[in-house]
Amino acid sequence: MFRDLAIKECVDLCLKAQVEAERCAAFCLGSEEATDLRRCIQTCQDAADVCQMTVRLLARNSGLAQNACELCVDVCVNCRDECAKHELEVCQQCAEACHQAAEKCERLTLQPL
């Protein structure tokens, strides 16, 4: 039961990070400073993609879920660090969502799936 709850929490936080990363990338792409925000846009797109993949693999109890969680930690930390550099509210929200997803995925990687 605990394992199922931990997986559900990880899925929920990865979904939230995916949405926030997509929102951040879309906002930055439409910004007048899009050129200056290129790295932010790229890291957000990477985070959104990896979070989505992680959710799908966790949902179907894939043998690759552990690897996906490990990658998700790295990508979300990278996105968190990049977004935290920017004062835009959308970037700060993305940084927080990625931080939460990375923490939960990291805890999940310490447990056998």
C-alpha atoms as a PDB file:
ATOM      1  CA  MET A   1       0.000   0.000   0.000  1.00  0.00           C
ATOM      2  CA  PHE A   2       2.801   2.451   0.910  1.00  0.00           C
ATOM      3  CA  ARG A   3       4.543   1.799  -2.399  1.00  0.00           C
ATOM      4  CA  ASP A   4       1.331   2.502  -4.328  1.00  0.00           C
ATOM      5  CA  LEU A   5       0.835   5.761  -2.434  1.00  0.00           C
ATOM      6  CA  ALA A   6       4.448   6.796  -3.055  1.00  0.00           C
ATOM      7  CA  ILE A   7       4.046   6.100  -6.780  1.00  0.00           C
ATOM      8  CA  LYS A   8       0.776   8.050  -6.913  1.00  0.00           C
ATOM      9  CA  GLU A   9       2.377  11.023  -5.172  1.00  0.00           C
ATOM     10  CA  CYS A  10       5.306  10.906  -7.582  1.00  0.00           C
ATOM     11  CA  VAL A  11       2.953  10.741 -10.566  1.00  0.00           C
ATOM     12  CA  ASP A  12       0.941  13.705  -9.251  1.00  0.00           C
ATOM     13  CA  LEU A  13       4.032  15.855  -8.695  1.00  0.00           C
ATOM     14  CA  CYS A  14       5.536  14.908 -12.062  1.00  0.00           C
ATOM     15  CA  LEU A  15       2.275  15.875 -13.763  1.00  0.00           C
ATOM     16  CA  LYS A  16       2.300  19.209 -11.950  1.00  0.00           C
ATOM     17  CA  ALA A  17       5.929  19.808 -12.961  1.00  0.00           C
ATOM     18  CA  GLN A  18       5.103  18.887 -16.559  1.00  0.00           C
ATOM     19  CA  VAL A  19       2.288  21.425 -16.705  1.00  0.00           C
ATOM     20  CA  GLU A  20       4.313  24.175 -15.029  1.00  0.00           C
ATOM     21  CA  ALA A  21       7.289  23.526 -17.309  1.00  0.00           C
ATOM     22  CA  GLU A  22       5.063  23.695 -20.398  1.00  0.00           C
ATOM     23  CA  ARG A  23       3.495  26.934 -19.117  1.00  0.00           C
ATOM     24  CA  CYS A  24       6.898  28.443 -18.424  1.00  0.00           C
ATOM     25  CA  ALA A  25       8.329  27.479 -21.816  1.00  0.00           C
ATOM     26  CA  ALA A  26       5.258  28.810 -23.627  1.00  0.00           C
ATOM     27  CA  PHE A  27       5.329  32.087 -21.699  1.00  0.00           C
ATOM     28  CA  CYS A  28       9.053  32.568 -22.293  1.00  0.00           C
ATOM     29  CA  LEU A  29       8.702  31.765 -26.002  1.00  0.00           C
ATOM     30  CA  GLY A  30       6.133  34.539 -26.301  1.00  0.00           C
ATOM     31  CA  SER A  31       8.205  36.990 -24.312  1.00  0.00           C
ATOM     32  CA  GLU A  32      10.120  39.884 -25.827  1.00  0.00           C
ATOM     33  CA  GLU A  33      13.170  38.450 -24.049  1.00  0.00           C
ATOM     34  CA  ALA A  34      12.789  35.009 -25.642  1.00  0.00           C
ATOM     35  CA  THR A  35      16.359  35.063 -26.938  1.00  0.00           C
ATOM     36  CA  ASP A  36      17.688  35.740 -23.441  1.00  0.00           C
ATOM     37  CA  LEU A  37      15.456  32.992 -22.045  1.00  0.00           C
ATOM     38  CA  ARG A  38      16.585  30.342 -24.539  1.00  0.00           C
ATOM     39  CA  ARG A  39      18.211  28.142 -21.885  1.00  0.00           C
ATOM     40  CA  CYS A  40      15.123  28.430 -19.673  1.00  0.00           C
ATOM     41  CA  ILE A  41      12.867  27.420 -22.555  1.00  0.00           C
ATOM     42  CA  GLN A  42      15.036  24.423 -23.420  1.00  0.00           C
ATOM     43  CA  THR A  43      15.286  23.146 -19.849  1.00  0.00           C
ATOM     44  CA  CYS A  44      11.532  23.540 -19.378  1.00  0.00           C
ATOM     45  CA  GLN A  45      10.806  21.584 -22.556  1.00  0.00           C
ATOM     46  CA  ASP A  46      13.204  18.848 -21.438  1.00  0.00           C
ATOM     47  CA  ALA A  47      11.579  18.711 -18.001  1.00  0.00           C
ATOM     48  CA  ALA A  48       8.075  18.529 -19.441  1.00  0.00           C
ATOM     49  CA  ASP A  49       9.049  15.679 -21.760  1.00  0.00           C
ATOM     50  CA  VAL A  50      10.879  13.670 -19.113  1.00  0.00           C
ATOM     51  CA  CYS A  51       8.132  14.204 -16.525  1.00  0.00           C
ATOM     52  CA  GLN A  52       5.549  12.941 -19.007  1.00  0.00           C
ATOM     53  CA  MET A  53       7.648   9.883 -19.826  1.00  0.00           C
ATOM     54  CA  THR A  54       8.180   9.175 -16.121  1.00  0.00           C
ATOM     55  CA  VAL A  55       4.455   9.357 -15.408  1.00  0.00           C
ATOM     56  CA  ARG A  56       3.678   6.948 -18.224  1.00  0.00           C
ATOM     57  CA  LEU A  57       6.314   4.419 -17.141  1.00  0.00           C
ATOM     58  CA  LEU A  58       5.257   4.610 -13.491  1.00  0.00           C
ATOM     59  CA  ALA A  59       1.594   4.230 -14.401  1.00  0.00           C
ATOM     60  CA  ARG A  60       2.208   0.982 -16.248  1.00  0.00           C
ATOM     61  CA  ASN A  61       4.720  -0.314 -13.682  1.00  0.00           C
ATOM     62  CA  SER A  62       7.395  -0.528 -16.349  1.00  0.00           C
ATOM     63  CA  GLY A  63      10.747  -2.102 -15.650  1.00  0.00           C
ATOM     64  CA  LEU A  64      12.210   1.203 -16.823  1.00  0.00           C
ATOM     65  CA  ALA A  65      10.381   3.293 -14.216  1.00  0.00           C
ATOM     66  CA  GLN A  66      13.369   3.362 -11.862  1.00  0.00           C
ATOM     67  CA  ASN A  67      15.627   4.669 -14.640  1.00  0.00           C
ATOM     68  CA  ALA A  68      13.010   7.238 -15.616  1.00  0.00           C
ATOM     69  CA  CYS A  69      12.789   8.481 -12.027  1.00  0.00           C
ATOM     70  CA  GLU A  70      16.563   8.882 -11.880  1.00  0.00           C
ATOM     71  CA  LEU A  71      16.555  10.868 -15.118  1.00  0.00           C
ATOM     72  CA  CYS A  72      13.594  12.899 -13.911  1.00  0.00           C
ATOM     73  CA  VAL A  73      15.538  13.940 -10.811  1.00  0.00           C
ATOM     74  CA  ASP A  74      18.449  15.209 -12.924  1.00  0.00           C
ATOM     75  CA  VAL A  75      16.267  17.035 -15.440  1.00  0.00           C
ATOM     76  CA  CYS A  76      13.972  18.589 -12.829  1.00  0.00           C
ATOM     77  CA  VAL A  77      16.922  19.812 -10.754  1.00  0.00           C
ATOM     78  CA  ASN A  78      18.407  21.355 -13.890  1.00  0.00           C
ATOM     79  CA  CYS A  79      15.092  23.048 -14.717  1.00  0.00           C
ATOM     80  CA  ARG A  80      14.604  24.184 -11.123  1.00  0.00           C
ATOM     81  CA  ASP A  81      18.054  25.767 -11.030  1.00  0.00           C
ATOM     82  CA  GLU A  82      17.578  27.531 -14.364  1.00  0.00           C
ATOM     83  CA  CYS A  83      14.086  28.830 -13.622  1.00  0.00           C
ATOM     84  CA  ALA A  84      15.123  30.025 -10.167  1.00  0.00           C
ATOM     85  CA  LYS A  85      17.487  32.495 -11.865  1.00  0.00           C
ATOM     86  CA  HIS A  86      14.563  34.404 -13.350  1.00  0.00           C
ATOM     87  CA  GLU A  87      12.224  36.717 -11.440  1.00  0.00           C
ATOM     88  CA  LEU A  88       9.197  35.945 -13.622  1.00  0.00           C
ATOM     89  CA  GLU A  89       6.380  34.414 -11.563  1.00  0.00           C
ATOM     90  CA  VAL A  90       5.881  31.637 -14.105  1.00  0.00           C
ATOM     91  CA  CYS A  91       9.560  30.704 -13.774  1.00  0.00           C
ATOM     92  CA  GLN A  92       9.346  30.679  -9.975  1.00  0.00           C
ATOM     93  CA  GLN A  93       6.266  28.432 -10.103  1.00  0.00           C
ATOM     94  CA  CYS A  94       8.051  26.072 -12.460  1.00  0.00           C
ATOM     95  CA  ALA A  95      11.132  26.008 -10.227  1.00  0.00           C
ATOM     96  CA  GLU A  96       9.000  25.044  -7.222  1.00  0.00           C
ATOM     97  CA  ALA A  97       7.072  22.340  -9.107  1.00  0.00           C
ATOM     98  CA  CYS A  98      10.300  20.842 -10.461  1.00  0.00           C
ATOM     99  CA  HIS A  99      11.841  20.938  -6.990  1.00  0.00           C
ATOM    100  CA  GLN A 100       8.904  18.981  -5.551  1.00  0.00           C
ATOM    101  CA  ALA A 101       8.945  16.436  -8.388  1.00  0.00           C
ATOM    102  CA  ALA A 102      12.700  15.921  -8.063  1.00  0.00           C
ATOM    103  CA  GLU A 103      12.437  15.346  -4.320  1.00  0.00           C
ATOM    104  CA  LYS A 104       9.629  12.817  -4.679  1.00  0.00           C
ATOM    105  CA  CYS A 105      11.320  10.984  -7.555  1.00  0.00           C
ATOM    106  CA  GLU A 106      14.556  10.842  -5.602  1.00  0.00           C
ATOM    107  CA  ARG A 107      12.774   9.296  -2.615  1.00  0.00           C
ATOM    108  CA  LEU A 108      11.105   6.817  -4.944  1.00  0.00           C
ATOM    109  CA  THR A 109      14.453   5.765  -6.446  1.00  0.00           C
ATOM    110  CA  LEU A 110      15.567   4.734  -2.968  1.00  0.00           C
ATOM    111  CA  GLN A 111      12.710   2.213  -2.833  1.00  0.00           C
ATOM    112  CA  PRO A 112      12.466  -0.858  -5.048  1.00  0.00           C
ATOM    113  CA  LEU A 113       9.628  -0.393  -7.526  1.00  0.00           C
END
